[in-house]
Protein backbone atom coordinates (compact mmCIF):
# COMPACT_ATOMS: atom_id res chain seq x y z
CA UNK A 1 57.48 -147.32 -0.24
CA UNK A 2 59.06 -150.28 1.59
CA UNK A 3 56.00 -151.32 3.62
CA UNK A 4 55.30 -154.48 1.61
CA UNK A 5 58.94 -155.64 1.71
CA UNK A 6 59.16 -155.07 5.45
CA UNK A 7 55.96 -157.01 6.17
CA UNK A 8 57.08 -159.91 3.98
CA UNK A 9 60.35 -159.91 5.89
CA UNK A 10 58.44 -160.29 9.17
CA UNK A 11 56.55 -163.29 7.74
CA UNK A 12 59.81 -164.91 6.62
CA UNK A 13 61.25 -164.44 10.09
CA UNK A 14 58.23 -166.24 11.58
CA UNK A 15 58.69 -169.13 9.15
CA UNK A 16 62.30 -169.47 10.29
CA UNK A 17 61.26 -169.55 13.94
CA UNK A 18 62.60 -166.08 14.58
CA UNK A 19 60.94 -163.24 16.44
CA UNK A 20 59.70 -160.71 13.84
CA UNK A 21 61.52 -157.40 13.99
CA UNK A 22 59.59 -154.23 14.72
CA UNK A 23 59.00 -152.12 11.61
CA UNK A 24 58.87 -148.35 11.94
CA UNK A 25 57.95 -146.40 8.80
CA UNK A 26 57.96 -142.64 8.30
CA UNK A 27 56.43 -140.52 5.53
CA UNK A 28 58.66 -139.83 2.54
CA UNK A 29 60.04 -136.29 2.45
CA UNK A 30 59.30 -134.58 -0.84
CA UNK A 31 62.12 -132.72 -2.55
CA UNK A 32 62.31 -129.01 -3.30
CA UNK A 33 60.14 -129.50 -6.39
CA UNK A 34 57.27 -130.78 -4.23
CA UNK A 35 56.66 -133.63 -6.68
CA UNK A 36 59.22 -136.38 -6.16
CA UNK A 37 60.98 -137.69 -3.07
CA UNK A 38 64.07 -135.78 -2.01
CA UNK A 39 67.05 -137.25 -3.82
CA UNK A 40 70.55 -136.10 -4.65
CA UNK A 41 70.33 -137.78 -8.05
CA UNK A 42 67.22 -135.73 -8.87
CA UNK A 43 68.86 -132.50 -7.73
CA UNK A 44 65.90 -131.57 -5.51
CA UNK A 45 67.67 -132.03 -2.19
CA UNK A 46 69.11 -130.06 0.72
CA UNK A 47 72.54 -131.39 1.66
CA UNK A 48 73.30 -131.79 5.36
CA UNK A 49 76.84 -130.51 4.78
CA UNK A 50 75.82 -127.49 2.71
CA UNK A 51 76.56 -123.99 3.92
CA UNK A 52 74.07 -122.24 6.17
CA UNK A 53 73.20 -119.70 3.48
CA UNK A 54 72.65 -122.37 0.82
CA UNK A 55 70.51 -124.44 3.18
CA UNK A 56 68.41 -121.43 4.17
CA UNK A 57 68.07 -120.29 0.55
CA UNK A 58 66.77 -123.67 -0.55
CA UNK A 59 64.18 -123.68 2.23
CA UNK A 60 63.02 -120.23 1.12
CA UNK A 61 62.57 -121.51 -2.44
CA UNK A 62 59.93 -124.15 -1.62
CA UNK A 63 56.21 -123.60 -2.20
CA UNK A 64 53.83 -122.65 0.60
CA UNK A 65 52.01 -125.99 0.28
CA UNK A 66 55.26 -127.92 0.63
CA UNK A 67 56.24 -125.77 3.61
CA UNK A 68 53.31 -127.21 5.59
CA UNK A 69 54.66 -130.74 4.97
CA UNK A 70 58.18 -129.72 5.99
CA UNK A 71 56.90 -128.28 9.27
CA UNK A 72 55.30 -131.61 10.17
CA UNK A 73 58.08 -133.90 8.96
CA UNK A 74 61.13 -131.82 9.92
CA UNK A 75 60.01 -129.84 12.97
CA UNK A 76 57.34 -132.19 14.31
CA UNK A 77 54.63 -129.56 14.52
CA UNK A 78 52.01 -127.97 12.32
CA UNK A 79 52.44 -124.80 10.31
CA UNK A 80 51.70 -121.80 12.58
CA UNK A 81 48.40 -120.07 11.92
CA UNK A 82 47.90 -116.34 11.36
CA UNK A 83 51.55 -115.92 10.34
CA UNK A 84 52.49 -114.57 6.88
CA UNK A 85 53.85 -117.43 4.72
CA UNK A 86 57.21 -115.73 4.18
CA UNK A 87 57.72 -115.32 7.94
CA UNK A 88 56.74 -118.94 8.58
CA UNK A 89 59.20 -120.03 5.91
CA UNK A 90 61.97 -117.95 7.50
CA UNK A 91 61.29 -119.62 10.83
CA UNK A 92 61.46 -123.05 9.20
CA UNK A 93 64.75 -122.21 7.52
CA UNK A 94 66.14 -120.72 10.71
CA UNK A 95 65.42 -123.83 12.77
CA UNK A 96 66.82 -126.15 10.10
CA UNK A 97 70.06 -124.13 9.93
CA UNK A 98 70.30 -124.04 13.73
CA UNK A 99 69.93 -127.84 13.84
CA UNK A 100 72.71 -128.58 11.35
CA UNK A 101 74.98 -125.58 11.97
CA UNK A 102 74.53 -123.40 15.06
CA UNK A 103 72.37 -120.72 16.64
CA UNK A 104 74.89 -118.07 15.60
CA UNK A 105 74.86 -119.29 11.99
CA UNK A 106 71.06 -119.19 11.95
CA UNK A 107 70.99 -115.63 13.30
CA UNK A 108 73.58 -114.50 10.76
CA UNK A 109 71.82 -116.06 7.78
CA UNK A 110 68.55 -114.44 8.85
CA UNK A 111 70.16 -110.99 9.03
CA UNK A 112 71.83 -111.57 5.69
CA UNK A 113 68.58 -112.70 4.06
CA UNK A 114 66.68 -109.69 5.35
CA UNK A 115 69.40 -107.37 4.05
CA UNK A 116 69.38 -109.04 0.65
CA UNK A 117 65.73 -109.61 -0.03
CA UNK A 118 63.64 -108.02 2.71
CA UNK A 119 65.27 -104.61 2.90
CA UNK A 120 66.94 -105.02 -0.51
CA UNK A 121 70.30 -103.80 0.80
CA UNK A 122 72.43 -106.23 -1.17
CA UNK A 123 75.47 -103.99 -0.92
CA UNK A 124 75.37 -104.37 2.89
CA UNK A 125 74.89 -108.13 2.88
CA UNK A 126 77.71 -110.58 3.55
CA UNK A 127 77.94 -111.89 -0.01
CA UNK A 128 80.37 -114.35 -1.53
CA UNK A 129 83.21 -112.50 -3.30
CA UNK A 130 83.71 -113.19 -6.99
CA UNK A 131 85.91 -111.90 -9.78
CA UNK A 132 86.47 -112.67 -13.44
CA UNK A 133 87.71 -110.87 -16.51
CA UNK A 134 85.25 -109.42 -19.08
CA UNK A 135 83.22 -112.11 -20.84
CA UNK A 136 79.74 -112.74 -22.19
CA UNK A 137 76.90 -112.81 -19.67
CA UNK A 138 76.25 -116.55 -19.99
CA UNK A 139 79.89 -117.44 -19.30
CA UNK A 140 80.13 -115.17 -16.27
CA UNK A 141 76.85 -116.29 -14.69
CA UNK A 142 77.72 -119.95 -15.34
CA UNK A 143 81.08 -119.43 -13.62
CA UNK A 144 79.46 -117.81 -10.59
CA UNK A 145 77.03 -120.69 -10.13
CA UNK A 146 79.82 -123.26 -10.44
CA UNK A 147 82.61 -121.54 -8.49
CA UNK A 148 80.78 -119.50 -5.85
CA UNK A 149 77.88 -121.88 -5.16
CA UNK A 150 79.13 -125.29 -6.40
CA UNK A 151 75.98 -125.48 -8.51
CA UNK A 152 76.87 -126.18 -12.15
CA UNK A 153 74.22 -125.09 -14.64
CA UNK A 154 74.08 -125.64 -18.38
CA UNK A 155 74.50 -122.66 -20.68
CA UNK A 156 70.90 -123.21 -21.81
CA UNK A 157 69.62 -122.88 -18.22
CA UNK A 158 71.70 -119.76 -17.64
CA UNK A 159 70.57 -118.20 -20.92
CA UNK A 160 66.95 -118.77 -19.89
CA UNK A 161 67.53 -117.08 -16.52
CA UNK A 162 69.09 -114.08 -18.22
CA UNK A 163 66.33 -113.72 -20.80
CA UNK A 164 63.70 -113.98 -18.04
CA UNK A 165 65.29 -111.04 -16.22
CA UNK A 166 66.52 -112.96 -13.17
CA UNK A 167 70.11 -111.72 -13.49
CA UNK A 168 70.88 -108.20 -12.26
CA UNK A 169 74.08 -106.19 -12.03
CA UNK A 170 73.83 -103.43 -9.43
CA UNK A 171 70.04 -103.58 -9.63
CA UNK A 172 69.88 -103.36 -13.44
CA UNK A 173 68.56 -106.38 -15.30
CA UNK A 174 70.89 -108.15 -17.70
CA UNK A 175 68.68 -109.52 -20.48
CA UNK A 176 71.14 -109.89 -23.36
CA UNK A 177 72.87 -113.26 -23.00
CA UNK A 178 75.53 -112.27 -25.54
CA UNK A 179 76.38 -108.95 -23.90
CA UNK A 180 79.94 -108.55 -22.63
CA UNK A 181 80.00 -107.77 -18.92
CA UNK A 182 82.88 -105.70 -17.56
CA UNK A 183 82.82 -106.13 -13.80
CA UNK A 184 84.09 -103.59 -11.27
CA UNK A 185 84.92 -104.09 -7.62
CA UNK A 186 82.02 -103.24 -5.34
CA UNK A 187 79.28 -104.21 -7.77
CA UNK A 188 76.64 -106.79 -6.83
CA UNK A 189 75.71 -109.50 -9.31
CA UNK A 190 72.39 -111.13 -8.49
CA UNK A 191 71.73 -114.48 -10.17
CA UNK A 192 68.24 -115.34 -8.97
CA UNK A 193 65.95 -114.92 -5.98
CA UNK A 194 68.34 -116.56 -3.51
CA UNK A 195 71.88 -116.09 -4.84
CA UNK A 196 74.09 -113.06 -5.31
CA UNK A 197 77.81 -112.26 -5.18
CA UNK A 198 79.87 -109.14 -4.57
CA UNK A 199 82.39 -108.35 -7.28
CA UNK A 200 85.82 -108.10 -5.71
CA UNK A 201 89.10 -107.94 -7.56
CA UNK A 202 91.79 -110.16 -5.96
CA UNK A 203 94.22 -108.17 -3.83
CA UNK A 204 97.26 -109.20 -5.83
CA UNK A 205 95.67 -107.66 -8.94
CA UNK A 206 94.86 -104.45 -7.07
CA UNK A 207 98.47 -104.19 -5.92
CA UNK A 208 99.64 -104.81 -9.47
CA UNK A 209 97.44 -101.97 -10.74
CA UNK A 210 98.77 -99.62 -8.05
CA UNK A 211 102.35 -100.60 -8.89
CA UNK A 212 101.93 -99.81 -12.59
CA UNK A 213 99.89 -96.64 -12.14
CA UNK A 214 101.93 -93.67 -13.44
CA UNK A 215 102.94 -91.02 -10.93
CA UNK A 216 101.43 -87.56 -11.25
């Protein structure tokens, strides 16, 4: 989108008796929505300093059509043929994570993803721990997004996710936004297709419970 400005700049350099600078332009990378250019202000971006799991999860959320563009612009090669889209997307995410984190991080996030969503063994996955006292579903899910994933969402957005059936507690859908959730250690709270946490009471609270438990 800066081609015209760059070419005018070259003409101005000539008029000033200067040697025109070489202009190298690259295609604009579309954001996760596949519609507008990737931008932090639009919220459709992948941050270079984001965690490996967040980076991989965002890659897995893009459309198949957009994936073909990402292969060309980010990996410098075309989308592999005769490979299931989900596997091609995993490979894309794996290489992106390896570039900005490490080979070990890429291997770990792949295993974790397969456990969560491929084999559906969320209880075995390395999930972010989370704990809060009983509250309504919207408040708890909003807190998880903000505290566990640094991804603030409005109560309206969260309510919509709940009513659509995206939120699950131990595999059971939570569809009542006003319902009071009483969390227990060991449970898995799934927010959407790419994010889940393991409910874990802080150790100091567990010790407090043990201390006040009456003797038999």
